[in-house]
């Protein structure tokens, strides 16, 4: 194993970016290097460690347990290097570095850029990596640094704060209702054209938790992209379930509000590093301030 005195920081930079992006090509783009160069850096680091850090699979690079164990230490070195660079530049008051945020696809696309805009104008040294995903990312494995989740996190070691409530509703386009009529109960949705998920197990679990009889629905348009589902409902292809705020902004008609209006708590969640890293804490504090205005239930 290479001793820390002789450790090459460029190898750790490549390692951190490959861990974050999951591929050599994506890391190469951020490093402004070629993919073969990043590949050689990873192999050199693996030789120094004495074992493979990534399993090469058809789906891409999968970190080994040893890579996961080294990742937090490498992040600490990265944070220290960024702090040193900031101090040398004489900009101690401005946090710098990359913060990876994950949230649901609709919120990531439609609202989060608007909410982050004033923060990023005031903090030009911070880069946001947005992971638009409906899956519950594992912050302990550093899939992301900060998450906006619509279910309370189960891991006890995470920092979590409830920032509001989100309401769901059933929505349809006026043109669809003019052609097919308006259902009056959830049971009548079985006679209508529905827009729903495809193979997403997370969406299936949500439907089960909300007691939605999706198995009896005639789903004419399936997509695991929530943005894709919303576009289909706006186009009049069928009826769909979505966040009330999203449906209202799209000018859709809400149906059966008295029968179906479930609310879910919204949580701002972070890895424990948010207590230590200035850039993590800055993003977390900003989101904690603005999200309650978005999710008033």
C-alpha atoms as a PDB file:
ATOM      1  CA  UNK A   1       0.000   0.000   0.000  1.00  0.00           C
ATOM      2  CA  UNK A   2       1.321   3.443  -0.933  1.00  0.00           C
ATOM      3  CA  UNK A   3       2.078   5.483   2.182  1.00  0.00           C
ATOM      4  CA  UNK A   4       0.106   8.744   2.686  1.00  0.00           C
ATOM      5  CA  UNK A   5       3.359  10.694   2.231  1.00  0.00           C
ATOM      6  CA  UNK A   6       3.580   9.495  -1.369  1.00  0.00           C
ATOM      7  CA  UNK A   7      -0.136   9.459  -2.151  1.00  0.00           C
ATOM      8  CA  UNK A   8      -0.976  11.131  -5.480  1.00  0.00           C
ATOM      9  CA  UNK A   9      -3.928  13.508  -5.015  1.00  0.00           C
ATOM     10  CA  UNK A  10      -4.857  13.253  -8.713  1.00  0.00           C
ATOM     11  CA  UNK A  11      -5.602   9.551  -8.205  1.00  0.00           C
ATOM     12  CA  UNK A  12      -7.971  10.352  -5.350  1.00  0.00           C
ATOM     13  CA  UNK A  13      -9.682  13.050  -7.425  1.00  0.00           C
ATOM     14  CA  UNK A  14     -10.337  10.511 -10.160  1.00  0.00           C
ATOM     15  CA  UNK A  15     -11.538   7.986  -7.568  1.00  0.00           C
ATOM     16  CA  UNK A  16     -13.992  10.430  -5.974  1.00  0.00           C
ATOM     17  CA  UNK A  17     -15.479  11.448  -9.315  1.00  0.00           C
ATOM     18  CA  UNK A  18     -15.826   7.864 -10.540  1.00  0.00           C
ATOM     19  CA  UNK A  19     -17.594   7.023  -7.271  1.00  0.00           C
ATOM     20  CA  UNK A  20     -19.952   9.977  -7.746  1.00  0.00           C
ATOM     21  CA  UNK A  21     -20.691   9.526 -11.437  1.00  0.00           C
ATOM     22  CA  UNK A  22     -20.440   5.759 -11.761  1.00  0.00           C
ATOM     23  CA  UNK A  23     -18.411   5.851 -14.972  1.00  0.00           C
ATOM     24  CA  UNK A  24     -14.953   6.664 -16.289  1.00  0.00           C
ATOM     25  CA  UNK A  25     -16.299   8.790 -19.131  1.00  0.00           C
ATOM     26  CA  UNK A  26     -18.372  11.060 -16.881  1.00  0.00           C
ATOM     27  CA  UNK A  27     -15.455  11.506 -14.491  1.00  0.00           C
ATOM     28  CA  UNK A  28     -13.145  12.278 -17.431  1.00  0.00           C
ATOM     29  CA  UNK A  29     -15.446  15.057 -18.616  1.00  0.00           C
ATOM     30  CA  UNK A  30     -15.376  16.746 -15.207  1.00  0.00           C
ATOM     31  CA  UNK A  31     -11.610  16.345 -14.912  1.00  0.00           C
ATOM     32  CA  UNK A  32     -11.081  17.522 -18.513  1.00  0.00           C
ATOM     33  CA  UNK A  33      -9.089  14.364 -19.213  1.00  0.00           C
ATOM     34  CA  UNK A  34      -9.508  11.445 -21.578  1.00  0.00           C
ATOM     35  CA  UNK A  35     -11.325   8.300 -20.477  1.00  0.00           C
ATOM     36  CA  UNK A  36      -8.186   6.107 -20.882  1.00  0.00           C
ATOM     37  CA  UNK A  37      -6.256   8.518 -18.633  1.00  0.00           C
ATOM     38  CA  UNK A  38      -8.866   8.257 -15.862  1.00  0.00           C
ATOM     39  CA  UNK A  39      -8.889   4.480 -16.335  1.00  0.00           C
ATOM     40  CA  UNK A  40      -5.118   4.366 -15.819  1.00  0.00           C
ATOM     41  CA  UNK A  41      -5.452   6.516 -12.687  1.00  0.00           C
ATOM     42  CA  UNK A  42      -8.003   4.127 -11.217  1.00  0.00           C
ATOM     43  CA  UNK A  43      -5.813   1.111 -12.029  1.00  0.00           C
ATOM     44  CA  UNK A  44      -2.804   2.829 -10.437  1.00  0.00           C
ATOM     45  CA  UNK A  45      -4.810   3.495  -7.282  1.00  0.00           C
ATOM     46  CA  UNK A  46      -6.021  -0.110  -7.232  1.00  0.00           C
ATOM     47  CA  UNK A  47      -2.421  -1.293  -7.474  1.00  0.00           C
ATOM     48  CA  UNK A  48      -1.501   0.963  -4.558  1.00  0.00           C
ATOM     49  CA  UNK A  49      -4.413  -0.338  -2.474  1.00  0.00           C
ATOM     50  CA  UNK A  50      -3.659  -3.912  -3.452  1.00  0.00           C
ATOM     51  CA  UNK A  51      -7.111  -4.898  -4.662  1.00  0.00           C
ATOM     52  CA  UNK A  52      -9.839  -3.900  -7.119  1.00  0.00           C
ATOM     53  CA  UNK A  53     -11.987  -0.929  -6.154  1.00  0.00           C
ATOM     54  CA  UNK A  54     -14.630  -1.423  -8.842  1.00  0.00           C
ATOM     55  CA  UNK A  55     -16.353  -4.424 -10.346  1.00  0.00           C
ATOM     56  CA  UNK A  56     -16.700  -4.006 -14.119  1.00  0.00           C
ATOM     57  CA  UNK A  57     -20.313  -4.949 -15.030  1.00  0.00           C
ATOM     58  CA  UNK A  58     -22.401  -4.485 -18.206  1.00  0.00           C
ATOM     59  CA  UNK A  59     -24.265  -1.730 -16.326  1.00  0.00           C
ATOM     60  CA  UNK A  60     -21.060   0.130 -15.496  1.00  0.00           C
ATOM     61  CA  UNK A  61     -18.644   0.339 -12.585  1.00  0.00           C
ATOM     62  CA  UNK A  62     -19.892  -0.982  -9.252  1.00  0.00           C
ATOM     63  CA  UNK A  63     -17.884   0.057  -6.153  1.00  0.00           C
ATOM     64  CA  UNK A  64     -16.508  -2.741  -4.008  1.00  0.00           C
ATOM     65  CA  UNK A  65     -16.830  -2.750  -0.220  1.00  0.00           C
ATOM     66  CA  UNK A  66     -13.232  -1.508  -0.011  1.00  0.00           C
ATOM     67  CA  UNK A  67     -14.066   1.426  -2.280  1.00  0.00           C
ATOM     68  CA  UNK A  68     -17.030   2.353  -0.088  1.00  0.00           C
ATOM     69  CA  UNK A  69     -14.796   2.225   2.978  1.00  0.00           C
ATOM     70  CA  UNK A  70     -12.209   4.511   1.359  1.00  0.00           C
ATOM     71  CA  UNK A  71     -14.734   6.948  -0.086  1.00  0.00           C
ATOM     72  CA  UNK A  72     -15.469   8.895   3.094  1.00  0.00           C
ATOM     73  CA  UNK A  73     -11.750   9.344   3.768  1.00  0.00           C
ATOM     74  CA  UNK A  74     -11.206  10.565   0.209  1.00  0.00           C
ATOM     75  CA  UNK A  75     -14.101  13.008   0.607  1.00  0.00           C
ATOM     76  CA  UNK A  76     -12.467  14.385   3.739  1.00  0.00           C
ATOM     77  CA  UNK A  77      -9.252  15.011   1.816  1.00  0.00           C
ATOM     78  CA  UNK A  78     -11.220  16.627  -1.004  1.00  0.00           C
ATOM     79  CA  UNK A  79     -12.971  18.934   1.451  1.00  0.00           C
ATOM     80  CA  UNK A  80      -9.652  19.870   3.074  1.00  0.00           C
ATOM     81  CA  UNK A  81      -8.107  20.602  -0.346  1.00  0.00           C
ATOM     82  CA  UNK A  82     -11.048  22.822  -1.294  1.00  0.00           C
ATOM     83  CA  UNK A  83     -10.825  24.666   2.012  1.00  0.00           C
ATOM     84  CA  UNK A  84      -7.086  25.197   1.443  1.00  0.00           C
ATOM     85  CA  UNK A  85      -7.725  26.504  -2.081  1.00  0.00           C
ATOM     86  CA  UNK A  86     -10.368  28.876  -0.741  1.00  0.00           C
ATOM     87  CA  UNK A  87      -8.033  30.151   1.971  1.00  0.00           C
ATOM     88  CA  UNK A  88      -5.219  30.681  -0.532  1.00  0.00           C
ATOM     89  CA  UNK A  89      -7.620  32.649  -2.743  1.00  0.00           C
ATOM     90  CA  UNK A  90      -8.587  34.841   0.190  1.00  0.00           C
ATOM     91  CA  UNK A  91     -12.302  33.918   0.017  1.00  0.00           C
ATOM     92  CA  UNK A  92     -12.881  32.444   3.438  1.00  0.00           C
ATOM     93  CA  UNK A  93     -16.436  33.761   3.659  1.00  0.00           C
ATOM     94  CA  UNK A  94     -17.673  31.901   0.583  1.00  0.00           C
ATOM     95  CA  UNK A  95     -18.127  28.101   0.720  1.00  0.00           C
ATOM     96  CA  UNK A  96     -16.956  26.181  -2.319  1.00  0.00           C
ATOM     97  CA  UNK A  97     -17.249  22.678  -3.713  1.00  0.00           C
ATOM     98  CA  UNK A  98     -19.793  20.212  -5.022  1.00  0.00           C
ATOM     99  CA  UNK A  99     -23.028  19.204  -3.276  1.00  0.00           C
ATOM    100  CA  UNK A 100     -25.094  16.332  -4.678  1.00  0.00           C
ATOM    101  CA  UNK A 101     -28.850  16.721  -4.124  1.00  0.00           C
ATOM    102  CA  UNK A 102     -31.544  14.172  -4.917  1.00  0.00           C
ATOM    103  CA  UNK A 103     -35.313  14.546  -5.027  1.00  0.00           C
ATOM    104  CA  UNK A 104     -38.300  13.416  -7.065  1.00  0.00           C
ATOM    105  CA  UNK A 105     -38.183  14.045 -10.792  1.00  0.00           C
ATOM    106  CA  UNK A 106     -41.043  16.604 -10.979  1.00  0.00           C
ATOM    107  CA  UNK A 107     -39.698  18.694  -8.114  1.00  0.00           C
ATOM    108  CA  UNK A 108     -36.144  18.511  -9.465  1.00  0.00           C
ATOM    109  CA  UNK A 109     -37.307  19.687 -12.894  1.00  0.00           C
ATOM    110  CA  UNK A 110     -40.030  22.215 -12.079  1.00  0.00           C
ATOM    111  CA  UNK A 111     -39.233  23.847  -8.746  1.00  0.00           C
ATOM    112  CA  UNK A 112     -35.787  23.177  -7.322  1.00  0.00           C
ATOM    113  CA  UNK A 113     -33.832  25.230  -9.910  1.00  0.00           C
ATOM    114  CA  UNK A 114     -36.034  28.233  -9.085  1.00  0.00           C
ATOM    115  CA  UNK A 115     -35.503  27.778  -5.357  1.00  0.00           C
ATOM    116  CA  UNK A 116     -31.727  27.348  -5.730  1.00  0.00           C
ATOM    117  CA  UNK A 117     -31.192  30.290  -8.088  1.00  0.00           C
ATOM    118  CA  UNK A 118     -30.762  33.055  -5.467  1.00  0.00           C
ATOM    119  CA  UNK A 119     -28.555  30.807  -3.337  1.00  0.00           C
ATOM    120  CA  UNK A 120     -26.247  29.990  -6.245  1.00  0.00           C
ATOM    121  CA  UNK A 121     -26.027  33.639  -7.261  1.00  0.00           C
ATOM    122  CA  UNK A 122     -24.846  34.418  -3.725  1.00  0.00           C
ATOM    123  CA  UNK A 123     -22.513  31.385  -3.598  1.00  0.00           C
ATOM    124  CA  UNK A 124     -20.772  31.131  -6.987  1.00  0.00           C
ATOM    125  CA  UNK A 125     -18.208  28.682  -5.629  1.00  0.00           C
ATOM    126  CA  UNK A 126     -20.776  25.944  -5.035  1.00  0.00           C
ATOM    127  CA  UNK A 127     -21.684  23.428  -7.745  1.00  0.00           C
ATOM    128  CA  UNK A 128     -24.929  21.470  -7.469  1.00  0.00           C
ATOM    129  CA  UNK A 129     -25.159  17.936  -8.858  1.00  0.00           C
ATOM    130  CA  UNK A 130     -28.845  17.100  -9.228  1.00  0.00           C
ATOM    131  CA  UNK A 131     -29.970  13.484  -9.100  1.00  0.00           C
ATOM    132  CA  UNK A 132     -33.589  13.521 -10.277  1.00  0.00           C
ATOM    133  CA  UNK A 133     -34.835  10.191  -9.044  1.00  0.00           C
ATOM    134  CA  UNK A 134     -38.002   8.720  -7.600  1.00  0.00           C
ATOM    135  CA  UNK A 135     -35.964   6.084  -5.779  1.00  0.00           C
ATOM    136  CA  UNK A 136     -34.981   6.449  -2.134  1.00  0.00           C
ATOM    137  CA  UNK A 137     -31.248   7.035  -2.452  1.00  0.00           C
ATOM    138  CA  UNK A 138     -29.031   5.680   0.317  1.00  0.00           C
ATOM    139  CA  UNK A 139     -27.263   8.692   1.792  1.00  0.00           C
ATOM    140  CA  UNK A 140     -25.119   6.492   4.010  1.00  0.00           C
ATOM    141  CA  UNK A 141     -23.508   5.046   0.851  1.00  0.00           C
ATOM    142  CA  UNK A 142     -23.111   8.601  -0.488  1.00  0.00           C
ATOM    143  CA  UNK A 143     -25.394   8.281  -3.508  1.00  0.00           C
ATOM    144  CA  UNK A 144     -26.172  11.880  -2.593  1.00  0.00           C
ATOM    145  CA  UNK A 145     -25.271  14.392   0.126  1.00  0.00           C
ATOM    146  CA  UNK A 146     -28.737  15.905   0.641  1.00  0.00           C
ATOM    147  CA  UNK A 147     -32.153  14.483  -0.204  1.00  0.00           C
ATOM    148  CA  UNK A 148     -35.685  15.864  -0.294  1.00  0.00           C
ATOM    149  CA  UNK A 149     -37.817  12.844   0.511  1.00  0.00           C
ATOM    150  CA  UNK A 150     -41.522  12.177   0.777  1.00  0.00           C
ATOM    151  CA  UNK A 151     -41.159   9.486   3.431  1.00  0.00           C
ATOM    152  CA  UNK A 152     -39.407   9.606   6.778  1.00  0.00           C
ATOM    153  CA  UNK A 153     -35.881   8.160   6.514  1.00  0.00           C
ATOM    154  CA  UNK A 154     -35.261   4.940   8.399  1.00  0.00           C
ATOM    155  CA  UNK A 155     -31.512   5.247   8.933  1.00  0.00           C
ATOM    156  CA  UNK A 156     -30.875   6.648  12.447  1.00  0.00           C
ATOM    157  CA  UNK A 157     -27.498   8.214  11.590  1.00  0.00           C
ATOM    158  CA  UNK A 158     -28.887  10.739   9.111  1.00  0.00           C
ATOM    159  CA  UNK A 159     -29.774  14.351   9.783  1.00  0.00           C
ATOM    160  CA  UNK A 160     -33.500  14.772   9.020  1.00  0.00           C
ATOM    161  CA  UNK A 161     -35.897  17.696   9.316  1.00  0.00           C
ATOM    162  CA  UNK A 162     -39.572  17.778   8.369  1.00  0.00           C
ATOM    163  CA  UNK A 163     -40.137  20.806   6.131  1.00  0.00           C
ATOM    164  CA  UNK A 164     -43.827  20.505   5.292  1.00  0.00           C
ATOM    165  CA  UNK A 165     -46.624  18.359   3.917  1.00  0.00           C
ATOM    166  CA  UNK A 166     -47.375  17.343   0.329  1.00  0.00           C
ATOM    167  CA  UNK A 167     -50.903  16.545  -0.864  1.00  0.00           C
ATOM    168  CA  UNK A 168     -51.733  14.166  -3.722  1.00  0.00           C
ATOM    169  CA  UNK A 169     -54.768  14.308  -5.979  1.00  0.00           C
ATOM    170  CA  UNK A 170     -56.393  12.807  -9.065  1.00  0.00           C
ATOM    171  CA  UNK A 171     -56.210  15.089 -12.118  1.00  0.00           C
ATOM    172  CA  UNK A 172     -57.438  15.197 -15.704  1.00  0.00           C
ATOM    173  CA  UNK A 173     -57.374  17.581 -18.624  1.00  0.00           C
ATOM    174  CA  UNK A 174     -60.653  19.368 -19.448  1.00  0.00           C
ATOM    175  CA  UNK A 175     -60.616  17.986 -23.000  1.00  0.00           C
ATOM    176  CA  UNK A 176     -60.391  14.421 -21.709  1.00  0.00           C
ATOM    177  CA  UNK A 177     -63.337  14.982 -19.353  1.00  0.00           C
ATOM    178  CA  UNK A 178     -65.406  16.477 -22.191  1.00  0.00           C
ATOM    179  CA  UNK A 179     -64.812  13.354 -24.294  1.00  0.00           C
ATOM    180  CA  UNK A 180     -65.044  10.653 -21.627  1.00  0.00           C
ATOM    181  CA  UNK A 181     -67.003  12.122 -18.750  1.00  0.00           C
ATOM    182  CA  UNK A 182     -65.972  12.757 -15.166  1.00  0.00           C
ATOM    183  CA  UNK A 183     -65.609   9.872 -12.676  1.00  0.00           C
ATOM    184  CA  UNK A 184     -67.276  10.509  -9.338  1.00  0.00           C
ATOM    185  CA  UNK A 185     -65.549   7.809  -7.257  1.00  0.00           C
ATOM    186  CA  UNK A 186     -62.228   5.985  -7.195  1.00  0.00           C
ATOM    187  CA  UNK A 187     -64.047   2.809  -8.209  1.00  0.00           C
ATOM    188  CA  UNK A 188     -65.217   4.492 -11.432  1.00  0.00           C
ATOM    189  CA  UNK A 189     -61.599   5.007 -12.494  1.00  0.00           C
ATOM    190  CA  UNK A 190     -61.660   1.377 -13.657  1.00  0.00           C
ATOM    191  CA  UNK A 191     -63.902   2.494 -16.552  1.00  0.00           C
ATOM    192  CA  UNK A 192     -61.548   5.321 -17.577  1.00  0.00           C
ATOM    193  CA  UNK A 193     -58.296   5.668 -19.459  1.00  0.00           C
ATOM    194  CA  UNK A 194     -55.504   5.963 -16.890  1.00  0.00           C
ATOM    195  CA  UNK A 195     -51.913   7.180 -16.925  1.00  0.00           C
ATOM    196  CA  UNK A 196     -49.618   5.281 -14.557  1.00  0.00           C
ATOM    197  CA  UNK A 197     -46.241   3.808 -13.783  1.00  0.00           C
ATOM    198  CA  UNK A 198     -44.575   1.023 -15.727  1.00  0.00           C
ATOM    199  CA  UNK A 199     -42.111  -1.162 -13.783  1.00  0.00           C
ATOM    200  CA  UNK A 200     -41.029   1.093 -10.929  1.00  0.00           C
ATOM    201  CA  UNK A 201     -41.220  -0.921  -7.672  1.00  0.00           C
ATOM    202  CA  UNK A 202     -41.128   2.278  -5.597  1.00  0.00           C
ATOM    203  CA  UNK A 203     -44.246   3.596  -7.366  1.00  0.00           C
ATOM    204  CA  UNK A 204     -45.957   0.253  -6.833  1.00  0.00           C
ATOM    205  CA  UNK A 205     -45.248   0.426  -3.099  1.00  0.00           C
ATOM    206  CA  UNK A 206     -46.633   3.968  -2.940  1.00  0.00           C
ATOM    207  CA  UNK A 207     -49.815   2.856  -4.731  1.00  0.00           C
ATOM    208  CA  UNK A 208     -50.231   0.011  -2.251  1.00  0.00           C
ATOM    209  CA  UNK A 209     -49.699   2.329   0.699  1.00  0.00           C
ATOM    210  CA  UNK A 210     -52.368   4.703  -0.644  1.00  0.00           C
ATOM    211  CA  UNK A 211     -54.774   1.780  -1.288  1.00  0.00           C
ATOM    212  CA  UNK A 212     -55.100   2.710  -4.961  1.00  0.00           C
ATOM    213  CA  UNK A 213     -56.667  -0.169  -6.958  1.00  0.00           C
ATOM    214  CA  UNK A 214     -54.158   0.168  -9.792  1.00  0.00           C
ATOM    215  CA  UNK A 215     -54.462  -3.496 -10.776  1.00  0.00           C
ATOM    216  CA  UNK A 216     -58.049  -2.882 -11.886  1.00  0.00           C
ATOM    217  CA  UNK A 217     -57.212   0.237 -13.897  1.00  0.00           C
ATOM    218  CA  UNK A 218     -57.013   0.320 -17.687  1.00  0.00           C
ATOM    219  CA  UNK A 219     -53.657   2.037 -17.958  1.00  0.00           C
ATOM    220  CA  UNK A 220     -53.282   3.265 -21.548  1.00  0.00           C
ATOM    221  CA  UNK A 221     -50.018   5.154 -21.024  1.00  0.00           C
ATOM    222  CA  UNK A 222     -47.254   3.799 -18.794  1.00  0.00           C
ATOM    223  CA  UNK A 223     -44.061   5.558 -17.796  1.00  0.00           C
ATOM    224  CA  UNK A 224     -41.719   5.358 -14.837  1.00  0.00           C
ATOM    225  CA  UNK A 225     -40.927   9.016 -15.491  1.00  0.00           C
ATOM    226  CA  UNK A 226     -43.275  11.121 -13.387  1.00  0.00           C
ATOM    227  CA  UNK A 227     -42.621  14.074 -15.690  1.00  0.00           C
ATOM    228  CA  UNK A 228     -43.636  11.829 -18.589  1.00  0.00           C
ATOM    229  CA  UNK A 229     -46.839  10.856 -16.795  1.00  0.00           C
ATOM    230  CA  UNK A 230     -47.706  14.485 -16.133  1.00  0.00           C
ATOM    231  CA  UNK A 231     -47.143  15.360 -19.797  1.00  0.00           C
ATOM    232  CA  UNK A 232     -49.505  12.565 -20.818  1.00  0.00           C
ATOM    233  CA  UNK A 233     -52.230  13.825 -18.481  1.00  0.00           C
ATOM    234  CA  UNK A 234     -51.775  17.388 -19.762  1.00  0.00           C
ATOM    235  CA  UNK A 235     -52.116  16.063 -23.326  1.00  0.00           C
ATOM    236  CA  UNK A 236     -55.460  14.464 -22.461  1.00  0.00           C
ATOM    237  CA  UNK A 237     -54.377  10.847 -22.796  1.00  0.00           C
ATOM    238  CA  UNK A 238     -55.954   9.876 -19.497  1.00  0.00           C
ATOM    239  CA  UNK A 239     -56.377  10.495 -15.770  1.00  0.00           C
ATOM    240  CA  UNK A 240     -53.414  10.448 -13.395  1.00  0.00           C
ATOM    241  CA  UNK A 241     -52.325  10.887  -9.784  1.00  0.00           C
ATOM    242  CA  UNK A 242     -49.900  13.695  -8.995  1.00  0.00           C
ATOM    243  CA  UNK A 243     -48.925  16.288  -6.442  1.00  0.00           C
ATOM    244  CA  UNK A 244     -51.686  18.847  -6.065  1.00  0.00           C
ATOM    245  CA  UNK A 245     -49.309  21.755  -6.626  1.00  0.00           C
ATOM    246  CA  UNK A 246     -48.120  20.207  -9.909  1.00  0.00           C
ATOM    247  CA  UNK A 247     -51.652  19.591 -11.169  1.00  0.00           C
ATOM    248  CA  UNK A 248     -52.824  23.078 -10.264  1.00  0.00           C
ATOM    249  CA  UNK A 249     -49.838  24.752 -11.929  1.00  0.00           C
ATOM    250  CA  UNK A 250     -50.618  22.755 -15.081  1.00  0.00           C
ATOM    251  CA  UNK A 251     -54.223  23.986 -15.127  1.00  0.00           C
ATOM    252  CA  UNK A 252     -55.691  20.491 -14.746  1.00  0.00           C
ATOM    253  CA  UNK A 253     -59.024  19.653 -13.106  1.00  0.00           C
ATOM    254  CA  UNK A 254     -58.812  17.972  -9.741  1.00  0.00           C
ATOM    255  CA  UNK A 255     -61.268  15.095  -9.281  1.00  0.00           C
ATOM    256  CA  UNK A 256     -62.795  13.441  -6.211  1.00  0.00           C
ATOM    257  CA  UNK A 257     -61.029  15.704  -3.737  1.00  0.00           C
ATOM    258  CA  UNK A 258     -63.327  14.636  -0.890  1.00  0.00           C
ATOM    259  CA  UNK A 259     -62.500  10.972  -1.485  1.00  0.00           C
ATOM    260  CA  UNK A 260     -58.809  11.162  -2.357  1.00  0.00           C
ATOM    261  CA  UNK A 261     -56.578  13.787  -0.727  1.00  0.00           C
ATOM    262  CA  UNK A 262     -53.752  11.939   1.073  1.00  0.00           C
ATOM    263  CA  UNK A 263     -50.940  13.973   2.583  1.00  0.00           C
ATOM    264  CA  UNK A 264     -47.334  12.948   3.045  1.00  0.00           C
ATOM    265  CA  UNK A 265     -44.662  14.564   5.169  1.00  0.00           C
ATOM    266  CA  UNK A 266     -41.733  16.103   3.302  1.00  0.00           C
ATOM    267  CA  UNK A 267     -38.297  15.560   4.798  1.00  0.00           C
ATOM    268  CA  UNK A 268     -34.991  17.287   4.205  1.00  0.00           C
ATOM    269  CA  UNK A 269     -32.332  14.663   4.850  1.00  0.00           C
ATOM    270  CA  UNK A 270     -28.558  14.816   4.811  1.00  0.00           C
ATOM    271  CA  UNK A 271     -25.495  12.741   5.416  1.00  0.00           C
ATOM    272  CA  UNK A 272     -23.773  13.456   8.730  1.00  0.00           C
ATOM    273  CA  UNK A 273     -21.145  15.525   6.876  1.00  0.00           C
ATOM    274  CA  UNK A 274     -23.682  18.360   6.728  1.00  0.00           C
ATOM    275  CA  UNK A 275     -22.639  19.124  10.307  1.00  0.00           C
ATOM    276  CA  UNK A 276     -19.019  19.591   9.270  1.00  0.00           C
ATOM    277  CA  UNK A 277     -18.734  20.721   5.645  1.00  0.00           C
ATOM    278  CA  UNK A 278     -19.516  24.386   5.058  1.00  0.00           C
ATOM    279  CA  UNK A 279     -20.864  23.836   1.565  1.00  0.00           C
ATOM    280  CA  UNK A 280     -23.172  21.017   2.701  1.00  0.00           C
ATOM    281  CA  UNK A 281     -24.432  23.049   5.626  1.00  0.00           C
ATOM    282  CA  UNK A 282     -24.986  26.113   3.433  1.00  0.00           C
ATOM    283  CA  UNK A 283     -27.139  24.192   0.931  1.00  0.00           C
ATOM    284  CA  UNK A 284     -28.990  22.359   3.708  1.00  0.00           C
ATOM    285  CA  UNK A 285     -29.773  25.585   5.581  1.00  0.00           C
ATOM    286  CA  UNK A 286     -30.997  27.296   2.404  1.00  0.00           C
ATOM    287  CA  UNK A 287     -33.329  24.420   1.555  1.00  0.00           C
ATOM    288  CA  UNK A 288     -34.563  24.281   5.145  1.00  0.00           C
ATOM    289  CA  UNK A 289     -35.514  27.961   4.832  1.00  0.00           C
ATOM    290  CA  UNK A 290     -37.307  27.833   1.461  1.00  0.00           C
ATOM    291  CA  UNK A 291     -38.985  24.422   1.395  1.00  0.00           C
ATOM    292  CA  UNK A 292     -41.653  25.133   4.043  1.00  0.00           C
ATOM    293  CA  UNK A 293     -43.075  27.765   1.692  1.00  0.00           C
ATOM    294  CA  UNK A 294     -43.387  25.125  -1.026  1.00  0.00           C
ATOM    295  CA  UNK A 295     -45.003  22.421   1.098  1.00  0.00           C
ATOM    296  CA  UNK A 296     -47.726  23.922   3.215  1.00  0.00           C
ATOM    297  CA  UNK A 297     -49.956  20.871   2.906  1.00  0.00           C
END
